[in-house]
């Protein structure tokens, strides 16, 4: 990493529970590509002022994580179709004070559905109702899935999300099972009150074929560990994070790293 200097370009991330994943991934690639850039994670105490800082300080890029993916919509100038289509933002690009919002979460989920050859005829339990859940639901709908049930305690928000994509809704997992389990909540995330909890009960894991957790920290969440132990196909949040971060990197810098550079950055990120 180059010595800090006045010409260095800054990118940041905003999250209620920041991790080093994006910091390590982006900074590794900056150094590998010889870019005079630096990336820093923040936990904002005032979201509106944080976004004003992005604009006023000329911060080039800003990643947005839970729970701010919808709240930032009112604070940007333009919505790219990737974000406008699902009313959820995970990336902001600053062009001379004009803030444009994007969503690369959708791209990551869609690629992983295709890469893992998940059968669109499968039944799916999708737990969550926030901005990331919107991106996930849209990706499953666009991949041809129709037997999807959104699990969300908030009836109004849960039914709204389910209705948007023609899916079912229920408040709790209960004794429900499905071919594919997808966790899009903070359950299992490091640093939170439910860091050691399973987002789906053991009987649901036992009945599933695929276990998918979008939580990236830790990479081996309780759900992913349970899925592996039960011999299920698993898709981790670390995989999601790599794909969406690469899309962000290209949006910020205009540079596309080689597959070898991306693989090295991913390995460096996971070694923390």
Protein backbone atom coordinates (compact mmCIF):
# COMPACT_ATOMS: atom_id res chain seq x y z
CA UNK A 1 0.00 0.00 0.00
CA UNK A 2 1.44 3.42 -0.90
CA UNK A 3 2.23 5.93 1.82
CA UNK A 4 -0.76 8.17 2.55
CA UNK A 5 -0.63 11.28 0.37
CA UNK A 6 -2.84 14.14 -0.73
CA UNK A 7 -3.54 12.62 -4.14
CA UNK A 8 -4.80 9.31 -2.77
CA UNK A 9 -8.36 8.34 -3.75
CA UNK A 10 -10.56 7.18 -0.87
CA UNK A 11 -13.35 4.60 -0.91
CA UNK A 12 -15.32 3.58 2.17
CA UNK A 13 -18.00 1.25 3.45
CA UNK A 14 -20.87 1.99 5.83
CA UNK A 15 -22.27 -0.74 8.06
CA UNK A 16 -23.74 -1.13 11.51
CA UNK A 17 -21.24 -3.97 12.04
CA UNK A 18 -18.17 -3.27 9.88
CA UNK A 19 -15.83 -6.10 8.96
CA UNK A 20 -12.41 -6.17 7.32
CA UNK A 21 -13.64 -8.14 4.30
CA UNK A 22 -14.05 -5.20 1.94
CA UNK A 23 -11.06 -3.40 3.40
CA UNK A 24 -8.74 -6.33 2.74
CA UNK A 25 -10.22 -7.19 -0.67
CA UNK A 26 -10.08 -3.69 -2.13
CA UNK A 27 -6.76 -2.64 -0.61
CA UNK A 28 -5.13 -5.87 -1.80
CA UNK A 29 -6.22 -5.13 -5.37
CA UNK A 30 -5.20 -1.47 -5.15
CA UNK A 31 -1.68 -2.59 -4.26
CA UNK A 32 -1.61 -5.40 -6.82
CA UNK A 33 -2.64 -2.98 -9.58
CA UNK A 34 -0.43 -0.11 -8.41
CA UNK A 35 -3.35 2.21 -7.70
CA UNK A 36 -2.92 5.20 -5.38
CA UNK A 37 -6.18 4.36 -3.58
CA UNK A 38 -7.21 3.34 -0.07
CA UNK A 39 -10.36 1.75 1.40
CA UNK A 40 -11.68 2.16 4.94
CA UNK A 41 -14.70 0.72 6.77
CA UNK A 42 -16.92 2.86 9.01
CA UNK A 43 -19.86 2.42 11.39
CA UNK A 44 -21.72 5.74 10.94
CA UNK A 45 -23.39 7.43 13.88
CA UNK A 46 -25.34 9.71 11.50
CA UNK A 47 -26.09 8.27 8.07
CA UNK A 48 -27.18 11.54 6.46
CA UNK A 49 -24.01 13.30 7.55
CA UNK A 50 -21.92 10.33 6.45
CA UNK A 51 -23.35 10.52 2.92
CA UNK A 52 -22.90 14.31 2.95
CA UNK A 53 -19.26 13.59 3.78
CA UNK A 54 -18.96 11.29 0.77
CA UNK A 55 -20.18 14.14 -1.42
CA UNK A 56 -18.33 16.98 0.26
CA UNK A 57 -14.98 15.25 0.68
CA UNK A 58 -14.88 13.78 -2.79
CA UNK A 59 -14.89 10.18 -1.56
CA UNK A 60 -15.04 8.17 -4.78
CA UNK A 61 -17.00 5.12 -3.69
CA UNK A 62 -19.14 4.00 -0.78
CA UNK A 63 -20.31 0.45 -0.09
CA UNK A 64 -23.55 0.22 1.89
CA UNK A 65 -24.38 -2.73 4.14
CA UNK A 66 -27.16 -3.70 6.56
CA UNK A 67 -29.19 -1.87 7.76
CA UNK A 68 -28.71 1.13 5.47
CA UNK A 69 -29.49 -0.29 2.02
CA UNK A 70 -32.89 1.38 1.83
CA UNK A 71 -32.25 4.42 4.04
CA UNK A 72 -29.61 5.85 1.67
CA UNK A 73 -32.05 6.07 -1.24
CA UNK A 74 -33.28 9.49 -0.14
CA UNK A 75 -29.69 10.74 0.17
CA UNK A 76 -28.39 10.08 -3.36
CA UNK A 77 -28.93 11.94 -6.63
CA UNK A 78 -29.44 9.13 -9.10
CA UNK A 79 -30.57 5.51 -8.99
CA UNK A 80 -29.04 3.11 -11.49
CA UNK A 81 -31.54 0.57 -12.81
CA UNK A 82 -29.84 -2.14 -10.73
CA UNK A 83 -30.86 -0.32 -7.54
CA UNK A 84 -34.10 1.30 -8.73
CA UNK A 85 -35.56 -2.05 -9.78
CA UNK A 86 -35.47 -3.36 -6.22
CA UNK A 87 -35.35 -0.16 -4.13
CA UNK A 88 -32.14 -1.28 -2.48
CA UNK A 89 -28.61 0.16 -2.60
CA UNK A 90 -25.28 -1.39 -1.77
CA UNK A 91 -22.95 0.85 -3.78
CA UNK A 92 -22.62 4.60 -4.27
CA UNK A 93 -20.32 6.17 -6.86
CA UNK A 94 -19.37 9.83 -6.56
CA UNK A 95 -18.79 11.63 -9.86
CA UNK A 96 -17.76 15.22 -9.04
CA UNK A 97 -20.35 15.50 -6.27
CA UNK A 98 -23.14 13.61 -8.06
CA UNK A 99 -23.98 10.41 -6.16
CA UNK A 100 -25.28 7.46 -8.18
CA UNK A 101 -26.60 4.37 -6.40
CA UNK A 102 -26.16 0.80 -7.66
CA UNK A 103 -26.89 -2.68 -6.39
CA UNK A 104 -24.26 -5.39 -6.97
CA UNK A 105 -25.84 -7.78 -4.45
CA UNK A 106 -28.34 -8.87 -7.09
CA UNK A 107 -25.53 -9.73 -9.49
CA UNK A 108 -23.75 -11.80 -6.84
CA UNK A 109 -26.84 -13.80 -5.88
CA UNK A 110 -27.80 -14.39 -9.52
CA UNK A 111 -24.31 -15.63 -10.38
CA UNK A 112 -24.24 -18.01 -7.42
CA UNK A 113 -27.66 -19.47 -8.26
CA UNK A 114 -26.41 -20.19 -11.78
CA UNK A 115 -22.93 -21.34 -10.72
CA UNK A 116 -24.38 -23.86 -8.26
CA UNK A 117 -27.01 -25.05 -10.75
CA UNK A 118 -29.87 -24.74 -8.27
CA UNK A 119 -33.01 -26.22 -9.83
CA UNK A 120 -35.68 -23.50 -10.35
CA UNK A 121 -38.32 -26.11 -9.48
CA UNK A 122 -36.94 -26.23 -5.93
CA UNK A 123 -38.93 -24.94 -2.98
CA UNK A 124 -37.21 -22.09 -1.13
CA UNK A 125 -37.46 -20.60 2.36
CA UNK A 126 -36.00 -17.09 2.25
CA UNK A 127 -35.63 -15.63 5.73
CA UNK A 128 -35.37 -11.82 5.84
CA UNK A 129 -37.13 -8.73 4.52
CA UNK A 130 -34.56 -5.92 4.28
CA UNK A 131 -32.64 -4.49 1.35
CA UNK A 132 -30.48 -7.58 0.86
CA UNK A 133 -33.59 -9.75 0.96
CA UNK A 134 -35.04 -7.68 -1.89
CA UNK A 135 -31.97 -8.31 -4.02
CA UNK A 136 -32.04 -12.00 -3.15
CA UNK A 137 -35.75 -12.40 -3.86
CA UNK A 138 -35.40 -10.61 -7.19
CA UNK A 139 -32.51 -12.85 -8.22
CA UNK A 140 -34.45 -16.01 -7.40
CA UNK A 141 -37.56 -14.72 -9.20
CA UNK A 142 -35.53 -13.80 -12.29
CA UNK A 143 -33.86 -17.23 -12.25
CA UNK A 144 -37.29 -18.83 -12.63
CA UNK A 145 -38.09 -19.78 -9.03
CA UNK A 146 -41.76 -19.59 -8.06
CA UNK A 147 -42.03 -21.84 -4.98
CA UNK A 148 -40.49 -19.28 -2.64
CA UNK A 149 -41.75 -18.37 0.82
CA UNK A 150 -40.51 -15.22 2.53
CA UNK A 151 -40.12 -15.66 6.28
CA UNK A 152 -40.34 -12.35 8.13
CA UNK A 153 -41.78 -11.42 11.51
CA UNK A 154 -42.98 -8.02 10.33
CA UNK A 155 -46.20 -8.92 8.54
CA UNK A 156 -46.54 -5.68 6.59
CA UNK A 157 -42.97 -5.66 5.27
CA UNK A 158 -42.85 -9.42 4.76
CA UNK A 159 -46.09 -9.56 2.81
CA UNK A 160 -45.06 -6.54 0.77
CA UNK A 161 -41.79 -8.18 -0.26
CA UNK A 162 -43.47 -11.51 -0.99
CA UNK A 163 -46.24 -9.86 -3.00
CA UNK A 164 -43.74 -7.88 -5.05
CA UNK A 165 -42.32 -11.09 -6.49
CA UNK A 166 -45.39 -13.32 -6.34
CA UNK A 167 -44.07 -15.36 -3.42
CA UNK A 168 -45.70 -16.64 -0.24
CA UNK A 169 -45.15 -15.25 3.26
CA UNK A 170 -45.11 -16.57 6.80
CA UNK A 171 -44.03 -14.98 10.06
CA UNK A 172 -41.86 -17.80 11.44
CA UNK A 173 -39.99 -20.79 10.08
CA UNK A 174 -41.72 -23.08 12.56
CA UNK A 175 -41.67 -26.66 11.30
CA UNK A 176 -41.49 -25.66 7.62
CA UNK A 177 -38.92 -27.25 5.35
CA UNK A 178 -37.76 -26.58 1.81
CA UNK A 179 -35.23 -27.75 -0.77
CA UNK A 180 -33.28 -24.49 -0.43
CA UNK A 181 -32.74 -22.47 2.75
CA UNK A 182 -31.58 -18.86 2.37
CA UNK A 183 -30.69 -16.69 5.36
CA UNK A 184 -30.78 -12.96 4.66
CA UNK A 185 -30.90 -11.79 8.28
CA UNK A 186 -28.11 -10.85 10.73
CA UNK A 187 -28.63 -14.14 12.58
CA UNK A 188 -25.23 -15.79 12.86
CA UNK A 189 -23.30 -12.58 12.16
CA UNK A 190 -20.23 -11.99 14.31
CA UNK A 191 -20.56 -9.24 16.88
CA UNK A 192 -24.32 -9.40 17.19
CA UNK A 193 -26.64 -10.77 19.87
CA UNK A 194 -27.47 -13.80 17.69
CA UNK A 195 -23.91 -14.55 16.53
CA UNK A 196 -24.07 -18.16 17.70
CA UNK A 197 -27.62 -18.85 16.60
CA UNK A 198 -28.96 -20.95 13.74
CA UNK A 199 -31.18 -19.01 11.36
CA UNK A 200 -33.06 -22.21 10.49
CA UNK A 201 -33.78 -25.13 12.85
CA UNK A 202 -31.83 -28.36 12.52
CA UNK A 203 -34.79 -30.25 11.06
CA UNK A 204 -35.03 -27.72 8.23
CA UNK A 205 -31.31 -28.09 7.52
CA UNK A 206 -31.66 -31.88 7.52
CA UNK A 207 -34.48 -31.73 4.96
CA UNK A 208 -32.79 -29.20 2.63
CA UNK A 209 -30.61 -29.86 -0.40
CA UNK A 210 -28.93 -26.43 -0.47
CA UNK A 211 -28.04 -24.14 2.44
CA UNK A 212 -27.31 -20.51 1.52
CA UNK A 213 -26.25 -17.86 4.04
CA UNK A 214 -25.52 -14.32 2.84
CA UNK A 215 -23.80 -13.41 6.13
CA UNK A 216 -20.12 -12.93 5.27
CA UNK A 217 -18.64 -12.58 8.76
CA UNK A 218 -17.77 -15.17 9.77
CA UNK A 219 -17.52 -17.06 6.50
CA UNK A 220 -18.43 -20.22 8.42
CA UNK A 221 -21.66 -19.12 10.11
CA UNK A 222 -23.57 -21.53 12.36
CA UNK A 223 -25.91 -22.22 9.42
CA UNK A 224 -23.06 -22.97 7.01
CA UNK A 225 -21.37 -25.22 9.57
CA UNK A 226 -24.65 -27.06 10.15
CA UNK A 227 -25.14 -27.46 6.40
CA UNK A 228 -21.66 -28.86 5.90
CA UNK A 229 -22.06 -31.24 8.84
CA UNK A 230 -25.31 -32.53 7.33
CA UNK A 231 -23.65 -33.07 3.95
CA UNK A 232 -25.62 -30.37 2.15
CA UNK A 233 -24.46 -28.16 -0.69
CA UNK A 234 -23.57 -24.83 0.90
CA UNK A 235 -23.18 -21.29 -0.46
CA UNK A 236 -21.53 -18.83 1.91
CA UNK A 237 -21.77 -15.10 2.37
CA UNK A 238 -18.04 -14.90 1.67
CA UNK A 239 -18.78 -15.97 -1.90
CA UNK A 240 -21.45 -13.29 -2.17
CA UNK A 241 -19.06 -10.70 -0.76
CA UNK A 242 -16.34 -11.48 -3.29
CA UNK A 243 -18.59 -11.16 -6.33
CA UNK A 244 -20.34 -7.99 -5.22
CA UNK A 245 -17.05 -6.42 -4.09
CA UNK A 246 -15.47 -7.10 -7.48
CA UNK A 247 -18.41 -5.39 -9.19
CA UNK A 248 -17.94 -2.43 -6.85
CA UNK A 249 -14.21 -2.32 -7.52
CA UNK A 250 -14.84 -2.00 -11.26
CA UNK A 251 -17.47 0.69 -10.74
CA UNK A 252 -15.11 2.73 -8.55
CA UNK A 253 -11.86 2.36 -10.51
CA UNK A 254 -12.86 1.48 -14.07
CA UNK A 255 -10.27 -1.31 -13.87
CA UNK A 256 -11.09 -5.03 -14.16
CA UNK A 257 -8.62 -7.26 -12.30
CA UNK A 258 -7.59 -10.59 -13.77
CA UNK A 259 -9.19 -13.77 -12.42
CA UNK A 260 -5.84 -14.60 -10.81
CA UNK A 261 -5.74 -11.24 -9.03
CA UNK A 262 -9.32 -11.71 -7.81
CA UNK A 263 -8.53 -15.20 -6.52
CA UNK A 264 -5.48 -13.86 -4.67
CA UNK A 265 -7.54 -11.03 -3.15
CA UNK A 266 -10.21 -13.51 -2.06
CA UNK A 267 -7.60 -15.77 -0.45
CA UNK A 268 -6.04 -12.78 1.32
CA UNK A 269 -9.45 -11.67 2.58
CA UNK A 270 -10.36 -15.10 3.95
CA UNK A 271 -6.98 -15.45 5.71
CA UNK A 272 -7.77 -12.70 8.21
